Amino acid sequence: MSQTVVLKVGMSCQGCVGAVKRVLGKMEGVESYEVDLEQQKVTVKGNVQPDAVLQTVSKTGKKTAFWEAEALAETEVQPAETEANPAETKVKPAETEAKPTEPEAKPTEAVAAA
């Protein structure tokens, strides 16, 4: 039974691409594969099990995940990041509240600079 397995692989250069191609070339059941460095996407076609393909590509030492799972993980992470940002902006008003005592020192700095 032929199927297509799509992985997201953390590749940063042609050396990484070569390592992925090397392990896929040796893997049994692989009919064809496509490695896209720009998208960090590896598409494997053949009589293969998705878990076996994932494990094989993981042997290169690159961060490897199923494309669908990675896409879901990214959409889940982004809202968490946006939630963290308002918390950071809440901290900033507290910093501005603390500053009214500082301006006393700043005019002297301005005079010294002038």
Protein backbone atom coordinates (compact mmCIF):
# COMPACT_ATOMS: atom_id res chain seq x y z
CA MET A 1 0.00 0.00 0.00
CA SER A 2 1.60 3.22 -1.17
CA GLN A 3 1.15 6.36 0.87
CA THR A 4 2.56 9.85 1.30
CA VAL A 5 4.19 11.00 4.54
CA VAL A 6 4.89 14.70 5.04
CA LEU A 7 7.35 15.79 7.74
CA LYS A 8 8.62 19.10 9.04
CA VAL A 9 12.37 18.78 9.49
CA GLY A 10 14.63 21.45 11.01
CA MET A 11 17.12 21.81 8.15
CA SER A 12 19.33 24.88 7.88
CA CYS A 13 21.62 24.06 4.95
CA GLN A 14 22.28 21.77 1.98
CA GLY A 15 24.27 19.48 4.30
CA CYS A 16 21.09 18.87 6.29
CA VAL A 17 19.21 18.17 3.06
CA GLY A 18 21.92 15.70 2.04
CA ALA A 19 21.71 13.87 5.38
CA VAL A 20 17.92 13.52 5.05
CA LYS A 21 18.20 12.32 1.43
CA ARG A 22 20.88 9.81 2.43
CA VAL A 23 18.74 8.10 5.12
CA LEU A 24 15.64 8.12 2.90
CA GLY A 25 17.61 6.63 0.00
CA LYS A 26 18.54 3.66 2.20
CA MET A 27 15.03 3.20 3.64
CA GLU A 28 13.09 0.18 2.46
CA GLY A 29 9.77 0.85 0.68
CA VAL A 30 10.56 4.43 -0.31
CA GLU A 31 9.57 5.06 -3.95
CA SER A 32 10.31 8.78 -4.06
CA TYR A 33 10.99 11.73 -1.79
CA GLU A 34 11.15 15.48 -2.03
CA VAL A 35 13.14 17.68 0.35
CA ASP A 36 12.27 21.39 0.51
CA LEU A 37 14.89 23.32 2.48
CA GLU A 38 13.01 26.63 2.35
CA GLN A 39 9.78 25.21 3.83
CA GLN A 40 11.69 22.63 5.92
CA LYS A 41 9.32 20.08 4.42
CA VAL A 42 10.08 16.46 3.54
CA THR A 43 7.56 14.49 1.46
CA VAL A 44 8.08 10.73 1.20
CA LYS A 45 6.07 8.44 -1.08
CA GLY A 46 6.09 4.67 -1.01
CA ASN A 47 5.10 1.55 0.86
CA VAL A 48 6.15 3.02 4.20
CA GLN A 49 4.78 3.49 7.71
CA PRO A 50 4.61 7.15 8.84
CA ASP A 51 6.23 6.34 12.21
CA ALA A 52 9.08 4.48 10.50
CA VAL A 53 9.73 7.45 8.19
CA LEU A 54 9.68 9.83 11.18
CA GLN A 55 12.15 7.64 13.09
CA THR A 56 14.44 7.26 10.08
CA VAL A 57 14.62 11.02 9.43
CA SER A 58 15.06 11.66 13.19
CA LYS A 59 18.31 9.63 13.02
CA THR A 60 19.87 12.60 11.18
CA GLY A 61 19.69 14.53 14.47
CA LYS A 62 17.34 17.11 12.96
CA LYS A 63 14.16 18.17 14.77
CA THR A 64 11.49 16.09 13.03
CA ALA A 65 7.71 16.07 13.35
CA PHE A 66 4.68 15.21 11.24
CA TRP A 67 3.72 18.23 9.12
CA GLU A 68 0.09 18.24 10.36
CA ALA A 69 1.11 17.95 14.01
CA GLU A 70 3.69 20.71 13.60
CA ALA A 71 1.16 23.00 11.92
CA LEU A 72 -1.28 22.44 14.80
CA ALA A 73 1.44 22.99 17.39
CA GLU A 74 2.40 26.29 15.77
CA THR A 75 -1.19 27.58 15.83
CA GLU A 76 -1.48 26.60 19.49
CA VAL A 77 1.81 28.26 20.43
CA GLN A 78 1.01 31.60 18.79
CA PRO A 79 -2.04 32.44 20.96
CA ALA A 80 0.04 31.63 24.04
CA GLU A 81 2.68 34.08 22.83
CA THR A 82 0.08 36.81 22.29
CA GLU A 83 -1.24 36.18 25.80
CA ALA A 84 2.28 36.67 27.15
CA ASN A 85 2.63 40.03 25.39
CA PRO A 86 -0.25 41.79 27.23
CA ALA A 87 1.33 40.61 30.48
CA GLU A 88 4.56 42.29 29.42
CA THR A 89 2.72 45.52 28.61
CA LYS A 90 1.07 45.40 32.05
CA VAL A 91 4.53 45.38 33.61
CA LYS A 92 5.53 48.53 31.71
CA PRO A 93 2.90 50.81 33.32
CA ALA A 94 4.23 49.71 36.70
CA GLU A 95 7.68 50.82 35.54
CA THR A 96 6.31 54.24 34.52
CA GLU A 97 4.65 54.56 37.94
CA ALA A 98 8.03 54.01 39.57
CA LYS A 99 9.69 56.68 37.44
CA PRO A 100 8.10 59.85 38.92
CA THR A 101 10.76 59.75 41.65
CA GLU A 102 13.49 59.57 39.01
CA PRO A 103 12.78 62.82 37.09
CA GLU A 104 14.31 64.78 39.99
CA ALA A 105 17.69 63.31 39.00
CA LYS A 106 17.11 63.75 35.27
CA PRO A 107 16.96 67.57 35.14
CA THR A 108 20.39 67.66 36.76
CA GLU A 109 21.64 65.25 34.10
CA ALA A 110 20.18 67.56 31.45
CA VAL A 111 21.91 70.57 33.00
CA ALA A 112 25.15 68.65 33.21
CA ALA A 113 24.82 67.65 29.56
CA ALA A 114 24.15 71.24 28.52
